[in-house]
């Protein structure tokens, strides 16, 4: 392998028993077979699902809106008219 390829890899060691912090190769094989993918793809899918669950899925914003930003929003949204949304999903009980 070239240096460029090996620099993008890590050593992965399966556990000797399944636990909350790892799995055996046998479990990885069963999972891969169930998913219809190879072991490497099963590991990637598991890591991706964990990333979605634990890491923010959007860039952090710059904090509260500035006065100028609020002014721009108000300029583009009609002000002073009361508006409401009525949902047909929930039936109001008439007494």
PDB file of N, CA and C in Angstrom:
ATOM      1  N   UNK A   1       0.831  -1.188   0.000  1.00  0.00           N
ATOM      2  CA  UNK A   1       0.000   0.000   0.000  1.00  0.00           C
ATOM      3  C   UNK A   1       0.872   1.247   0.000  1.00  0.00           C
ATOM      4  N   UNK A   2       0.364   2.285  -0.604  1.00  0.00           N
ATOM      5  CA  UNK A   2       1.119   3.521  -0.620  1.00  0.00           C
ATOM      6  C   UNK A   2       0.977   4.232   0.719  1.00  0.00           C
ATOM      7  N   UNK A   3       1.877   5.176   0.985  1.00  0.00           N
ATOM      8  CA  UNK A   3       1.827   5.936   2.236  1.00  0.00           C
ATOM      9  C   UNK A   3       0.531   6.728   2.322  1.00  0.00           C
ATOM     10  N   UNK A   4       0.037   7.188   1.185  1.00  0.00           N
ATOM     11  CA  UNK A   4      -1.196   7.964   1.169  1.00  0.00           C
ATOM     12  C   UNK A   4      -2.382   7.116   1.614  1.00  0.00           C
ATOM     13  N   UNK A   5      -2.427   5.861   1.202  1.00  0.00           N
ATOM     14  CA  UNK A   5      -3.524   4.973   1.560  1.00  0.00           C
ATOM     15  C   UNK A   5      -3.458   4.566   3.024  1.00  0.00           C
ATOM     16  N   UNK A   6      -2.292   4.198   3.512  1.00  0.00           N
ATOM     17  CA  UNK A   6      -2.177   3.731   4.891  1.00  0.00           C
ATOM     18  C   UNK A   6      -2.372   4.847   5.908  1.00  0.00           C
ATOM     19  N   UNK A   7      -2.122   6.090   5.527  1.00  0.00           N
ATOM     20  CA  UNK A   7      -2.315   7.206   6.442  1.00  0.00           C
ATOM     21  C   UNK A   7      -3.793   7.411   6.758  1.00  0.00           C
ATOM     22  N   UNK A   8      -4.673   6.886   5.924  1.00  0.00           N
ATOM     23  CA  UNK A   8      -6.109   7.056   6.087  1.00  0.00           C
ATOM     24  C   UNK A   8      -6.757   5.854   6.770  1.00  0.00           C
ATOM     25  N   UNK A   9      -5.971   4.990   7.397  1.00  0.00           N
ATOM     26  CA  UNK A   9      -6.491   3.769   7.999  1.00  0.00           C
ATOM     27  C   UNK A   9      -6.139   3.710   9.477  1.00  0.00           C
ATOM     28  N   UNK A  10      -6.911   2.910  10.195  1.00  0.00           N
ATOM     29  CA  UNK A  10      -6.630   2.651  11.594  1.00  0.00           C
ATOM     30  C   UNK A  10      -6.658   1.151  11.831  1.00  0.00           C
ATOM     31  N   UNK A  11      -6.037   0.712  12.908  1.00  0.00           N
ATOM     32  CA  UNK A  11      -6.133  -0.691  13.294  1.00  0.00           C
ATOM     33  C   UNK A  11      -7.465  -0.884  14.005  1.00  0.00           C
ATOM     34  N   UNK A  12      -8.186  -1.925  13.652  1.00  0.00           N
ATOM     35  CA  UNK A  12      -9.456  -2.222  14.298  1.00  0.00           C
ATOM     36  C   UNK A  12      -9.363  -3.607  14.896  1.00  0.00           C
ATOM     37  N   UNK A  13      -9.593  -3.689  16.186  1.00  0.00           N
ATOM     38  CA  UNK A  13      -9.521  -4.980  16.864  1.00  0.00           C
ATOM     39  C   UNK A  13     -10.897  -5.335  17.417  1.00  0.00           C
ATOM     40  N   UNK A  14     -11.366  -6.505  17.060  1.00  0.00           N
ATOM     41  CA  UNK A  14     -12.625  -6.994  17.613  1.00  0.00           C
ATOM     42  C   UNK A  14     -12.409  -7.381  19.066  1.00  0.00           C
ATOM     43  N   UNK A  15     -13.463  -7.383  19.847  1.00  0.00           N
ATOM     44  CA  UNK A  15     -13.403  -7.798  21.244  1.00  0.00           C
ATOM     45  C   UNK A  15     -13.493  -9.319  21.326  1.00  0.00           C
ATOM     46  N   UNK A  16     -13.049  -9.861  22.438  1.00  0.00           N
ATOM     47  CA  UNK A  16     -13.144 -11.319  22.628  1.00  0.00           C
ATOM     48  C   UNK A  16     -14.549 -11.719  23.069  1.00  0.00           C
ATOM     49  N   UNK A  17     -15.285 -10.767  23.659  1.00  0.00           N
ATOM     50  CA  UNK A  17     -16.688 -10.987  24.027  1.00  0.00           C
ATOM     51  C   UNK A  17     -17.475  -9.727  23.685  1.00  0.00           C
ATOM     52  N   UNK A  18     -18.753  -9.899  23.377  1.00  0.00           N
ATOM     53  CA  UNK A  18     -19.623  -8.749  23.123  1.00  0.00           C
ATOM     54  C   UNK A  18     -19.864  -8.012  24.436  1.00  0.00           C
ATOM     55  N   UNK A  19     -19.817  -6.686  24.372  1.00  0.00           N
ATOM     56  CA  UNK A  19     -20.083  -5.873  25.555  1.00  0.00           C
ATOM     57  C   UNK A  19     -20.636  -4.527  25.101  1.00  0.00           C
ATOM     58  N   UNK A  20     -20.852  -3.633  26.054  1.00  0.00           N
ATOM     59  CA  UNK A  20     -21.372  -2.308  25.707  1.00  0.00           C
ATOM     60  C   UNK A  20     -20.326  -1.459  24.993  1.00  0.00           C
ATOM     61  N   UNK A  21     -19.081  -1.903  24.988  1.00  0.00           N
ATOM     62  CA  UNK A  21     -18.016  -1.124  24.350  1.00  0.00           C
ATOM     63  C   UNK A  21     -17.403  -1.817  23.135  1.00  0.00           C
ATOM     64  N   UNK A  22     -17.978  -2.902  22.682  1.00  0.00           N
ATOM     65  CA  UNK A  22     -17.425  -3.552  21.499  1.00  0.00           C
ATOM     66  C   UNK A  22     -18.113  -4.858  21.180  1.00  0.00           C
ATOM     67  N   UNK A  23     -17.775  -5.398  20.007  1.00  0.00           N
ATOM     68  CA  UNK A  23     -18.376  -6.654  19.554  1.00  0.00           C
ATOM     69  C   UNK A  23     -17.302  -7.622  19.078  1.00  0.00           C
ATOM     70  N   UNK A  24     -17.666  -8.887  19.035  1.00  0.00           N
ATOM     71  CA  UNK A  24     -16.775  -9.912  18.505  1.00  0.00           C
ATOM     72  C   UNK A  24     -16.868  -9.910  16.986  1.00  0.00           C
ATOM     73  N   UNK A  25     -15.934 -10.547  16.359  1.00  0.00           N
ATOM     74  CA  UNK A  25     -15.976 -10.640  14.904  1.00  0.00           C
ATOM     75  C   UNK A  25     -17.190 -11.438  14.460  1.00  0.00           C
ATOM     76  N   UNK A  26     -17.551 -12.434  15.238  1.00  0.00           N
ATOM     77  CA  UNK A  26     -18.726 -13.244  14.914  1.00  0.00           C
ATOM     78  C   UNK A  26     -19.981 -12.376  14.863  1.00  0.00           C
ATOM     79  N   UNK A  27     -20.129 -11.485  15.823  1.00  0.00           N
ATOM     80  CA  UNK A  27     -21.277 -10.579  15.829  1.00  0.00           C
ATOM     81  C   UNK A  27     -21.231  -9.652  14.617  1.00  0.00           C
ATOM     82  N   UNK A  28     -20.062  -9.126  14.298  1.00  0.00           N
ATOM     83  CA  UNK A  28     -19.917  -8.252  13.131  1.00  0.00           C
ATOM     84  C   UNK A  28     -20.287  -9.004  11.855  1.00  0.00           C
ATOM     85  N   UNK A  29     -19.878 -10.254  11.760  1.00  0.00           N
ATOM     86  CA  UNK A  29     -20.224 -11.059  10.580  1.00  0.00           C
ATOM     87  C   UNK A  29     -21.730 -11.267  10.483  1.00  0.00           C
ATOM     88  N   UNK A  30     -22.369 -11.585  11.617  1.00  0.00           N
ATOM     89  CA  UNK A  30     -23.825 -11.777  11.617  1.00  0.00           C
ATOM     90  C   UNK A  30     -24.545 -10.484  11.221  1.00  0.00           C
ATOM     91  N   UNK A  31     -24.086  -9.372  11.760  1.00  0.00           N
ATOM     92  CA  UNK A  31     -24.691  -8.085  11.437  1.00  0.00           C
ATOM     93  C   UNK A  31     -24.528  -7.758   9.953  1.00  0.00           C
ATOM     94  N   UNK A  32     -23.328  -7.961   9.443  1.00  0.00           N
ATOM     95  CA  UNK A  32     -23.070  -7.697   8.026  1.00  0.00           C
ATOM     96  C   UNK A  32     -23.949  -8.574   7.136  1.00  0.00           C
ATOM     97  N   UNK A  33     -24.077  -9.835   7.510  1.00  0.00           N
ATOM     98  CA  UNK A  33     -24.911 -10.751   6.738  1.00  0.00           C
ATOM     99  C   UNK A  33     -26.373 -10.302   6.776  1.00  0.00           C
ATOM    100  N   UNK A  34     -26.839  -9.894   7.957  1.00  0.00           N
ATOM    101  CA  UNK A  34     -28.212  -9.424   8.113  1.00  0.00           C
ATOM    102  C   UNK A  34     -28.459  -8.181   7.244  1.00  0.00           C
ATOM    103  N   UNK A  35     -27.481  -7.274   7.200  1.00  0.00           N
ATOM    104  CA  UNK A  35     -27.613  -6.042   6.414  1.00  0.00           C
ATOM    105  C   UNK A  35     -27.339  -6.250   4.931  1.00  0.00           C
ATOM    106  N   UNK A  36     -26.734  -7.365   4.585  1.00  0.00           N
ATOM    107  CA  UNK A  36     -26.404  -7.631   3.191  1.00  0.00           C
ATOM    108  C   UNK A  36     -25.197  -6.856   2.698  1.00  0.00           C
ATOM    109  N   UNK A  37     -24.263  -6.587   3.624  1.00  0.00           N
ATOM    110  CA  UNK A  37     -23.050  -5.845   3.283  1.00  0.00           C
ATOM    111  C   UNK A  37     -21.845  -6.590   3.851  1.00  0.00           C
ATOM    112  N   UNK A  38     -20.636  -6.101   3.533  1.00  0.00           N
ATOM    113  CA  UNK A  38     -19.454  -6.721   4.128  1.00  0.00           C
ATOM    114  C   UNK A  38     -19.200  -6.122   5.513  1.00  0.00           C
ATOM    115  N   UNK A  39     -18.260  -6.697   6.250  1.00  0.00           N
ATOM    116  CA  UNK A  39     -17.984  -6.247   7.617  1.00  0.00           C
ATOM    117  C   UNK A  39     -17.573  -4.773   7.675  1.00  0.00           C
ATOM    118  N   UNK A  40     -16.747  -4.351   6.741  1.00  0.00           N
ATOM    119  CA  UNK A  40     -16.298  -2.955   6.734  1.00  0.00           C
ATOM    120  C   UNK A  40     -17.481  -2.011   6.586  1.00  0.00           C
ATOM    121  N   UNK A  41     -18.385  -2.322   5.665  1.00  0.00           N
ATOM    122  CA  UNK A  41     -19.555  -1.472   5.464  1.00  0.00           C
ATOM    123  C   UNK A  41     -20.457  -1.489   6.687  1.00  0.00           C
ATOM    124  N   UNK A  42     -20.581  -2.625   7.359  1.00  0.00           N
ATOM    125  CA  UNK A  42     -21.386  -2.706   8.584  1.00  0.00           C
ATOM    126  C   UNK A  42     -20.802  -1.797   9.663  1.00  0.00           C
ATOM    127  N   UNK A  43     -19.486  -1.776   9.779  1.00  0.00           N
ATOM    128  CA  UNK A  43     -18.826  -0.897  10.756  1.00  0.00           C
ATOM    129  C   UNK A  43     -19.073   0.564  10.391  1.00  0.00           C
ATOM    130  N   UNK A  44     -18.929   0.905   9.122  1.00  0.00           N
ATOM    131  CA  UNK A  44     -19.185   2.285   8.684  1.00  0.00           C
ATOM    132  C   UNK A  44     -20.629   2.699   8.973  1.00  0.00           C
ATOM    133  N   UNK A  45     -21.583   1.810   8.705  1.00  0.00           N
ATOM    134  CA  UNK A  45     -22.983   2.144   8.966  1.00  0.00           C
ATOM    135  C   UNK A  45     -23.231   2.355  10.450  1.00  0.00           C
ATOM    136  N   UNK A  46     -22.632   1.504  11.276  1.00  0.00           N
ATOM    137  CA  UNK A  46     -22.808   1.642  12.723  1.00  0.00           C
ATOM    138  C   UNK A  46     -22.219   2.963  13.205  1.00  0.00           C
ATOM    139  N   UNK A  47     -21.041   3.313  12.724  1.00  0.00           N
ATOM    140  CA  UNK A  47     -20.422   4.578  13.116  1.00  0.00           C
ATOM    141  C   UNK A  47     -21.236   5.763  12.627  1.00  0.00           C
ATOM    142  N   UNK A  48     -21.802   5.669  11.432  1.00  0.00           N
ATOM    143  CA  UNK A  48     -22.610   6.765  10.901  1.00  0.00           C
ATOM    144  C   UNK A  48     -23.860   6.975  11.757  1.00  0.00           C
ATOM    145  N   UNK A  49     -24.529   5.881  12.127  1.00  0.00           N
ATOM    146  CA  UNK A  49     -25.717   6.000  12.965  1.00  0.00           C
ATOM    147  C   UNK A  49     -25.374   6.601  14.322  1.00  0.00           C
ATOM    148  N   UNK A  50     -24.235   6.226  14.877  1.00  0.00           N
ATOM    149  CA  UNK A  50     -23.791   6.783  16.148  1.00  0.00           C
ATOM    150  C   UNK A  50     -23.482   8.274  16.001  1.00  0.00           C
ATOM    151  N   UNK A  51     -22.854   8.645  14.893  1.00  0.00           N
ATOM    152  CA  UNK A  51     -22.543  10.056  14.647  1.00  0.00           C
ATOM    153  C   UNK A  51     -23.821  10.882  14.543  1.00  0.00           C
ATOM    154  N   UNK A  52     -24.822  10.373  13.844  1.00  0.00           N
ATOM    155  CA  UNK A  52     -26.093  11.085  13.709  1.00  0.00           C
ATOM    156  C   UNK A  52     -26.748  11.244  15.074  1.00  0.00           C
ATOM    157  N   UNK A  53     -26.675  10.217  15.871  1.00  0.00           N
ATOM    158  CA  UNK A  53     -27.323  10.235  17.184  1.00  0.00           C
ATOM    159  C   UNK A  53     -26.623  11.176  18.166  1.00  0.00           C
ATOM    160  N   UNK A  54     -25.297  11.255  18.122  1.00  0.00           N
ATOM    161  CA  UNK A  54     -24.557  11.970  19.152  1.00  0.00           C
ATOM    162  C   UNK A  54     -23.978  13.323  18.755  1.00  0.00           C
ATOM    163  N   UNK A  55     -23.698  13.531  17.479  1.00  0.00           N
ATOM    164  CA  UNK A  55     -23.047  14.768  17.060  1.00  0.00           C
ATOM    165  C   UNK A  55     -24.059  15.743  16.462  1.00  0.00           C
ATOM    166  N   UNK A  56     -23.838  17.050  16.646  1.00  0.00           N
ATOM    167  CA  UNK A  56     -24.732  18.029  16.024  1.00  0.00           C
ATOM    168  C   UNK A  56     -24.752  17.838  14.508  1.00  0.00           C
ATOM    169  N   UNK A  57     -25.929  17.962  13.904  1.00  0.00           N
ATOM    170  CA  UNK A  57     -26.063  17.748  12.471  1.00  0.00           C
ATOM    171  C   UNK A  57     -26.124  19.060  11.691  1.00  0.00           C
ATOM    172  N   UNK A  58     -25.738  20.146  12.344  1.00  0.00           N
ATOM    173  CA  UNK A  58     -25.740  21.445  11.682  1.00  0.00           C
ATOM    174  C   UNK A  58     -24.628  22.292  12.283  1.00  0.00           C
ATOM    175  N   UNK A  59     -24.225  23.276  11.546  1.00  0.00           N
ATOM    176  CA  UNK A  59     -23.191  24.192  12.025  1.00  0.00           C
ATOM    177  C   UNK A  59     -23.781  25.095  13.106  1.00  0.00           C
ATOM    178  N   UNK A  60     -23.000  25.366  14.116  1.00  0.00           N
ATOM    179  CA  UNK A  60     -23.453  26.277  15.160  1.00  0.00           C
ATOM    180  C   UNK A  60     -23.645  27.661  14.561  1.00  0.00           C
ATOM    181  N   UNK A  61     -24.691  28.344  15.000  1.00  0.00           N
ATOM    182  CA  UNK A  61     -24.925  29.680  14.464  1.00  0.00           C
ATOM    183  C   UNK A  61     -24.105  30.717  15.235  1.00  0.00           C
ATOM    184  N   UNK A  62     -24.289  31.971  14.864  1.00  0.00           N
ATOM    185  CA  UNK A  62     -23.513  33.051  15.478  1.00  0.00           C
ATOM    186  C   UNK A  62     -24.164  33.625  16.720  1.00  0.00           C
ATOM    187  N   UNK A  63     -25.165  32.954  17.271  1.00  0.00           N
ATOM    188  CA  UNK A  63     -25.815  33.449  18.469  1.00  0.00           C
ATOM    189  C   UNK A  63     -27.085  34.206  18.148  1.00  0.00           C
ATOM    190  N   UNK A  64     -27.542  35.052  19.084  1.00  0.00           N
ATOM    191  CA  UNK A  64     -28.802  35.786  18.898  1.00  0.00           C
ATOM    192  C   UNK A  64     -28.757  36.699  17.676  1.00  0.00           C
ATOM    193  N   UNK A  65     -29.950  36.969  17.139  1.00  0.00           N
ATOM    194  CA  UNK A  65     -30.059  37.883  15.998  1.00  0.00           C
ATOM    195  C   UNK A  65     -29.702  39.305  16.422  1.00  0.00           C
ATOM    196  N   UNK A  66     -29.139  40.010  15.492  1.00  0.00           N
ATOM    197  CA  UNK A  66     -28.840  41.420  15.750  1.00  0.00           C
ATOM    198  C   UNK A  66     -30.107  42.246  15.534  1.00  0.00           C
ATOM    199  N   UNK A  67     -30.082  43.489  15.977  1.00  0.00           N
ATOM    200  CA  UNK A  67     -31.214  44.400  15.775  1.00  0.00           C
ATOM    201  C   UNK A  67     -31.481  44.561  14.282  1.00  0.00           C
ATOM    202  N   UNK A  68     -30.427  44.667  13.486  1.00  0.00           N
ATOM    203  CA  UNK A  68     -30.574  44.825  12.032  1.00  0.00           C
ATOM    204  C   UNK A  68     -31.241  43.596  11.413  1.00  0.00           C
ATOM    205  N   UNK A  69     -30.889  42.400  11.886  1.00  0.00           N
ATOM    206  CA  UNK A  69     -31.490  41.177  11.352  1.00  0.00           C
ATOM    207  C   UNK A  69     -32.978  41.104  11.696  1.00  0.00           C
ATOM    208  N   UNK A  70     -33.320  41.460  12.929  1.00  0.00           N
ATOM    209  CA  UNK A  70     -34.725  41.467  13.337  1.00  0.00           C
ATOM    210  C   UNK A  70     -35.503  42.471  12.494  1.00  0.00           C
ATOM    211  N   UNK A  71     -34.922  43.623  12.241  1.00  0.00           N
ATOM    212  CA  UNK A  71     -35.558  44.654  11.419  1.00  0.00           C
ATOM    213  C   UNK A  71     -35.818  44.111  10.009  1.00  0.00           C
ATOM    214  N   UNK A  72     -34.858  43.406   9.446  1.00  0.00           N
ATOM    215  CA  UNK A  72     -35.015  42.825   8.105  1.00  0.00           C
ATOM    216  C   UNK A  72     -36.148  41.798   8.090  1.00  0.00           C
ATOM    217  N   UNK A  73     -36.223  40.971   9.118  1.00  0.00           N
ATOM    218  CA  UNK A  73     -37.287  39.961   9.188  1.00  0.00           C
ATOM    219  C   UNK A  73     -38.645  40.641   9.262  1.00  0.00           C
ATOM    220  N   UNK A  74     -38.765  41.627  10.142  1.00  0.00           N
ATOM    221  CA  UNK A  74     -40.034  42.340  10.286  1.00  0.00           C
ATOM    222  C   UNK A  74     -40.431  43.045   8.994  1.00  0.00           C
ATOM    223  N   UNK A  75     -39.462  43.506   8.244  1.00  0.00           N
ATOM    224  CA  UNK A  75     -39.718  44.192   6.985  1.00  0.00           C
ATOM    225  C   UNK A  75     -40.363  43.238   5.971  1.00  0.00           C
ATOM    226  N   UNK A  76     -39.996  41.959   6.021  1.00  0.00           N
ATOM    227  CA  UNK A  76     -40.497  40.990   5.054  1.00  0.00           C
ATOM    228  C   UNK A  76     -41.727  40.214   5.525  1.00  0.00           C
ATOM    229  N   UNK A  77     -42.089  40.361   6.782  1.00  0.00           N
ATOM    230  CA  UNK A  77     -43.249  39.648   7.318  1.00  0.00           C
ATOM    231  C   UNK A  77     -44.326  40.668   7.667  1.00  0.00           C
ATOM    232  N   UNK A  78     -45.544  40.449   7.180  1.00  0.00           N
ATOM    233  CA  UNK A  78     -46.614  41.393   7.506  1.00  0.00           C
ATOM    234  C   UNK A  78     -46.779  41.508   9.021  1.00  0.00           C
ATOM    235  N   UNK A  79     -46.852  42.759   9.493  1.00  0.00           N
ATOM    236  CA  UNK A  79     -46.983  43.007  10.928  1.00  0.00           C
ATOM    237  C   UNK A  79     -48.376  43.536  11.244  1.00  0.00           C
ATOM    238  N   UNK A  80     -48.820  43.306  12.462  1.00  0.00           N
ATOM    239  CA  UNK A  80     -50.068  43.880  12.933  1.00  0.00           C
ATOM    240  C   UNK A  80     -51.306  43.049  12.668  1.00  0.00           C
ATOM    241  N   UNK A  81     -51.261  42.126  11.757  1.00  0.00           N
ATOM    242  CA  UNK A  81     -52.435  41.297  11.480  1.00  0.00           C
ATOM    243  C   UNK A  81     -52.333  40.027  12.306  1.00  0.00           C
ATOM    244  N   UNK A  82     -53.379  39.744  13.080  1.00  0.00           N
ATOM    245  CA  UNK A  82     -53.388  38.499  13.849  1.00  0.00           C
ATOM    246  C   UNK A  82     -53.644  37.354  12.898  1.00  0.00           C
ATOM    247  N   UNK A  83     -52.875  36.343  13.046  1.00  0.00           N
ATOM    248  CA  UNK A  83     -53.038  35.169  12.193  1.00  0.00           C
ATOM    249  C   UNK A  83     -53.058  33.938  13.084  1.00  0.00           C
ATOM    250  N   UNK A  84     -53.830  32.944  12.666  1.00  0.00           N
ATOM    251  CA  UNK A  84     -53.857  31.693  13.409  1.00  0.00           C
ATOM    252  C   UNK A  84     -53.921  30.552  12.409  1.00  0.00           C
ATOM    253  N   UNK A  85     -53.538  29.421  12.880  1.00  0.00           N
ATOM    254  CA  UNK A  85     -53.562  28.220  12.048  1.00  0.00           C
ATOM    255  C   UNK A  85     -54.542  27.251  12.683  1.00  0.00           C
ATOM    256  N   UNK A  86     -55.438  26.760  11.886  1.00  0.00           N
ATOM    257  CA  UNK A  86     -56.417  25.795  12.387  1.00  0.00           C
ATOM    258  C   UNK A  86     -56.062  24.442  11.804  1.00  0.00           C
ATOM    259  N   UNK A  87     -55.960  23.468  12.668  1.00  0.00           N
ATOM    260  CA  UNK A  87     -55.595  22.124  12.240  1.00  0.00           C
ATOM    261  C   UNK A  87     -56.844  21.268  12.112  1.00  0.00           C
ATOM    262  N   UNK A  88     -56.935  20.521  11.041  1.00  0.00           N
ATOM    263  CA  UNK A  88     -58.032  19.586  10.883  1.00  0.00           C
ATOM    264  C   UNK A  88     -57.654  18.217  11.434  1.00  0.00           C
ATOM    265  N   UNK A  89     -56.439  18.103  11.965  1.00  0.00           N
ATOM    266  CA  UNK A  89     -56.010  16.832  12.514  1.00  0.00           C
ATOM    267  C   UNK A  89     -56.677  16.520  13.846  1.00  0.00           C
ATOM    268  N   UNK A  90     -56.966  17.567  14.611  1.00  0.00           N
ATOM    269  CA  UNK A  90     -57.589  17.390  15.915  1.00  0.00           C
ATOM    270  C   UNK A  90     -58.983  18.002  15.882  1.00  0.00           C
ATOM    271  N   UNK A  91     -59.935  17.220  16.222  1.00  0.00           N
ATOM    272  CA  UNK A  91     -61.317  17.710  16.258  1.00  0.00           C
ATOM    273  C   UNK A  91     -61.565  18.384  17.587  1.00  0.00           C
ATOM    274  N   UNK A  92     -62.078  19.590  17.557  1.00  0.00           N
ATOM    275  CA  UNK A  92     -62.421  20.292  18.787  1.00  0.00           C
ATOM    276  C   UNK A  92     -63.718  19.704  19.325  1.00  0.00           C
ATOM    277  N   UNK A  93     -63.742  19.433  20.613  1.00  0.00           N
ATOM    278  CA  UNK A  93     -64.937  18.886  21.230  1.00  0.00           C
ATOM    279  C   UNK A  93     -65.892  20.013  21.551  1.00  0.00           C
ATOM    280  N   UNK A  94     -67.092  19.958  21.018  1.00  0.00           N
ATOM    281  CA  UNK A  94     -68.084  20.996  21.253  1.00  0.00           C
ATOM    282  C   UNK A  94     -68.936  20.580  22.446  1.00  0.00           C
ATOM    283  N   UNK A  95     -69.020  21.482  23.420  1.00  0.00           N
ATOM    284  CA  UNK A  95     -69.782  21.186  24.643  1.00  0.00           C
ATOM    285  C   UNK A  95     -71.072  21.949  24.644  1.00  0.00           C
TER     286      UNK A  95
END
